[in-house]
């Protein structure tokens, strides 16, 4: 079961699709800029939820 509600999941999919479309339109420099922005976004997620930044324990 998803932790996102239907509206949130739809918004996430829309944003992922938009990034994928943008990626198809840019060159390597544009792709690097997208990667930089995604890295900053992931960093913000880990700052807000530091418990997510842990090694997988098997």
N, C-alpha and C. Protein backbone atom coordinates (compact mmCIF):
# COMPACT_ATOMS: atom_id res chain seq x y z
N UNK A 1 0.84 -1.18 0.00
CA UNK A 1 0.00 0.00 0.00
C UNK A 1 0.89 1.25 0.00
N UNK A 2 0.52 2.21 -0.79
CA UNK A 2 1.28 3.44 -0.90
C UNK A 2 1.03 4.35 0.30
N UNK A 3 2.05 5.08 0.69
CA UNK A 3 1.90 6.05 1.77
C UNK A 3 1.33 7.36 1.26
N UNK A 4 1.31 7.51 -0.06
CA UNK A 4 0.74 8.71 -0.67
C UNK A 4 -0.73 8.48 -0.97
N UNK A 5 -1.54 9.52 -0.85
CA UNK A 5 -2.92 9.38 -1.28
C UNK A 5 -2.96 9.47 -2.80
N UNK A 6 -4.10 9.24 -3.37
CA UNK A 6 -4.23 9.18 -4.84
C UNK A 6 -3.78 10.48 -5.51
N UNK A 7 -4.19 11.61 -4.96
CA UNK A 7 -3.84 12.91 -5.53
C UNK A 7 -2.32 13.13 -5.45
N UNK A 8 -1.71 12.81 -4.34
CA UNK A 8 -0.26 12.95 -4.18
C UNK A 8 0.49 12.05 -5.15
N UNK A 9 0.04 10.81 -5.27
CA UNK A 9 0.68 9.87 -6.18
C UNK A 9 0.57 10.35 -7.63
N UNK A 10 -0.58 10.90 -7.99
CA UNK A 10 -0.75 11.44 -9.34
C UNK A 10 0.18 12.62 -9.59
N UNK A 11 0.31 13.50 -8.60
CA UNK A 11 1.21 14.65 -8.74
C UNK A 11 2.65 14.19 -8.89
N UNK A 12 3.05 13.18 -8.12
CA UNK A 12 4.40 12.65 -8.21
C UNK A 12 4.67 12.08 -9.59
N UNK A 13 3.73 11.30 -10.11
CA UNK A 13 3.89 10.72 -11.45
C UNK A 13 3.97 11.82 -12.51
N UNK A 14 3.15 12.85 -12.38
CA UNK A 14 3.18 13.97 -13.34
C UNK A 14 4.54 14.65 -13.33
N UNK A 15 5.09 14.85 -12.14
CA UNK A 15 6.40 15.51 -12.04
C UNK A 15 7.51 14.63 -12.59
N UNK A 16 7.45 13.36 -12.32
CA UNK A 16 8.45 12.43 -12.87
C UNK A 16 8.37 12.41 -14.39
N UNK A 17 7.17 12.36 -14.92
CA UNK A 17 6.97 12.38 -16.37
C UNK A 17 7.53 13.67 -16.97
N UNK A 18 7.30 14.80 -16.32
CA UNK A 18 7.81 16.08 -16.81
C UNK A 18 9.34 16.10 -16.84
N UNK A 19 9.97 15.56 -15.80
CA UNK A 19 11.43 15.50 -15.76
C UNK A 19 11.94 14.56 -16.86
N UNK A 20 11.28 13.44 -17.06
CA UNK A 20 11.68 12.52 -18.12
C UNK A 20 11.57 13.17 -19.50
N UNK A 21 10.50 13.94 -19.73
CA UNK A 21 10.33 14.64 -21.00
C UNK A 21 11.42 15.70 -21.18
N UNK A 22 11.71 16.43 -20.11
CA UNK A 22 12.76 17.43 -20.17
C UNK A 22 14.11 16.79 -20.47
N UNK A 23 14.38 15.66 -19.84
CA UNK A 23 15.62 14.94 -20.06
C UNK A 23 15.78 14.54 -21.53
N UNK A 24 14.68 14.18 -22.17
CA UNK A 24 14.71 13.79 -23.58
C UNK A 24 15.02 14.98 -24.49
N UNK A 25 14.82 16.20 -23.99
CA UNK A 25 15.00 17.41 -24.80
C UNK A 25 16.36 18.06 -24.65
N UNK A 26 17.12 17.69 -23.64
CA UNK A 26 18.36 18.42 -23.35
C UNK A 26 19.59 17.64 -23.78
N UNK A 27 20.72 18.38 -23.82
CA UNK A 27 22.00 17.75 -24.11
C UNK A 27 22.66 17.34 -22.80
N UNK A 28 23.91 16.94 -22.87
CA UNK A 28 24.61 16.47 -21.67
C UNK A 28 24.72 17.55 -20.60
N UNK A 29 24.95 18.80 -21.00
CA UNK A 29 25.03 19.88 -20.02
C UNK A 29 23.68 20.08 -19.32
N UNK A 30 22.59 20.00 -20.09
CA UNK A 30 21.26 20.10 -19.50
C UNK A 30 20.98 18.94 -18.56
N UNK A 31 21.41 17.75 -18.97
CA UNK A 31 21.23 16.57 -18.12
C UNK A 31 21.99 16.73 -16.81
N UNK A 32 23.16 17.32 -16.88
CA UNK A 32 23.94 17.54 -15.65
C UNK A 32 23.23 18.53 -14.73
N UNK A 33 22.62 19.55 -15.32
CA UNK A 33 21.88 20.51 -14.51
C UNK A 33 20.66 19.86 -13.86
N UNK A 34 19.97 18.99 -14.60
CA UNK A 34 18.85 18.24 -14.04
C UNK A 34 19.34 17.38 -12.88
N UNK A 35 20.44 16.69 -13.09
CA UNK A 35 21.00 15.84 -12.04
C UNK A 35 21.35 16.65 -10.79
N UNK A 36 21.93 17.83 -10.98
CA UNK A 36 22.26 18.70 -9.84
C UNK A 36 20.99 19.06 -9.06
N UNK A 37 19.93 19.41 -9.78
CA UNK A 37 18.69 19.80 -9.11
C UNK A 37 18.04 18.61 -8.40
N UNK A 38 18.11 17.45 -9.01
CA UNK A 38 17.57 16.25 -8.36
C UNK A 38 18.36 15.91 -7.10
N UNK A 39 19.68 16.09 -7.17
CA UNK A 39 20.52 15.85 -5.99
C UNK A 39 20.11 16.79 -4.86
N UNK A 40 19.87 18.07 -5.19
CA UNK A 40 19.45 19.03 -4.17
C UNK A 40 18.09 18.64 -3.58
N UNK A 41 17.20 18.15 -4.42
CA UNK A 41 15.89 17.71 -3.94
C UNK A 41 16.03 16.52 -2.98
N UNK A 42 16.84 15.56 -3.35
CA UNK A 42 17.06 14.39 -2.49
C UNK A 42 17.70 14.82 -1.17
N UNK A 43 18.63 15.76 -1.24
CA UNK A 43 19.25 16.28 -0.02
C UNK A 43 18.21 16.90 0.89
N UNK A 44 17.26 17.65 0.32
CA UNK A 44 16.19 18.26 1.12
C UNK A 44 15.32 17.19 1.79
N UNK A 45 15.05 16.11 1.07
CA UNK A 45 14.26 15.02 1.66
C UNK A 45 15.00 14.43 2.86
N UNK A 46 16.31 14.17 2.70
CA UNK A 46 17.08 13.61 3.81
C UNK A 46 17.21 14.60 4.97
N UNK A 47 17.24 15.90 4.68
CA UNK A 47 17.29 16.89 5.76
C UNK A 47 15.97 16.89 6.53
N UNK A 48 14.86 16.74 5.82
CA UNK A 48 13.56 16.74 6.49
C UNK A 48 13.30 15.43 7.21
N UNK A 49 13.80 14.32 6.65
CA UNK A 49 13.60 13.00 7.23
C UNK A 49 14.93 12.27 7.35
N UNK A 50 15.78 12.68 8.31
CA UNK A 50 17.13 12.11 8.41
C UNK A 50 17.14 10.60 8.67
N UNK A 51 16.06 10.07 9.22
CA UNK A 51 16.00 8.64 9.48
C UNK A 51 16.02 7.83 8.17
N UNK A 52 15.72 8.46 7.04
CA UNK A 52 15.76 7.76 5.75
C UNK A 52 17.19 7.55 5.25
N UNK A 53 18.12 8.34 5.78
CA UNK A 53 19.51 8.28 5.33
C UNK A 53 20.29 7.28 6.19
N UNK A 54 19.99 6.03 5.94
CA UNK A 54 20.68 4.97 6.70
C UNK A 54 21.02 3.83 5.76
N UNK A 55 21.97 3.07 6.14
CA UNK A 55 22.38 1.90 5.36
C UNK A 55 21.30 0.83 5.45
N UNK A 56 21.10 0.10 4.36
CA UNK A 56 20.15 -1.02 4.42
C UNK A 56 20.74 -2.10 5.31
N UNK A 57 19.93 -2.59 6.20
CA UNK A 57 20.36 -3.64 7.10
C UNK A 57 19.70 -4.94 6.67
N UNK A 58 20.50 -5.90 6.31
CA UNK A 58 19.97 -7.20 5.88
C UNK A 58 20.15 -8.25 6.96
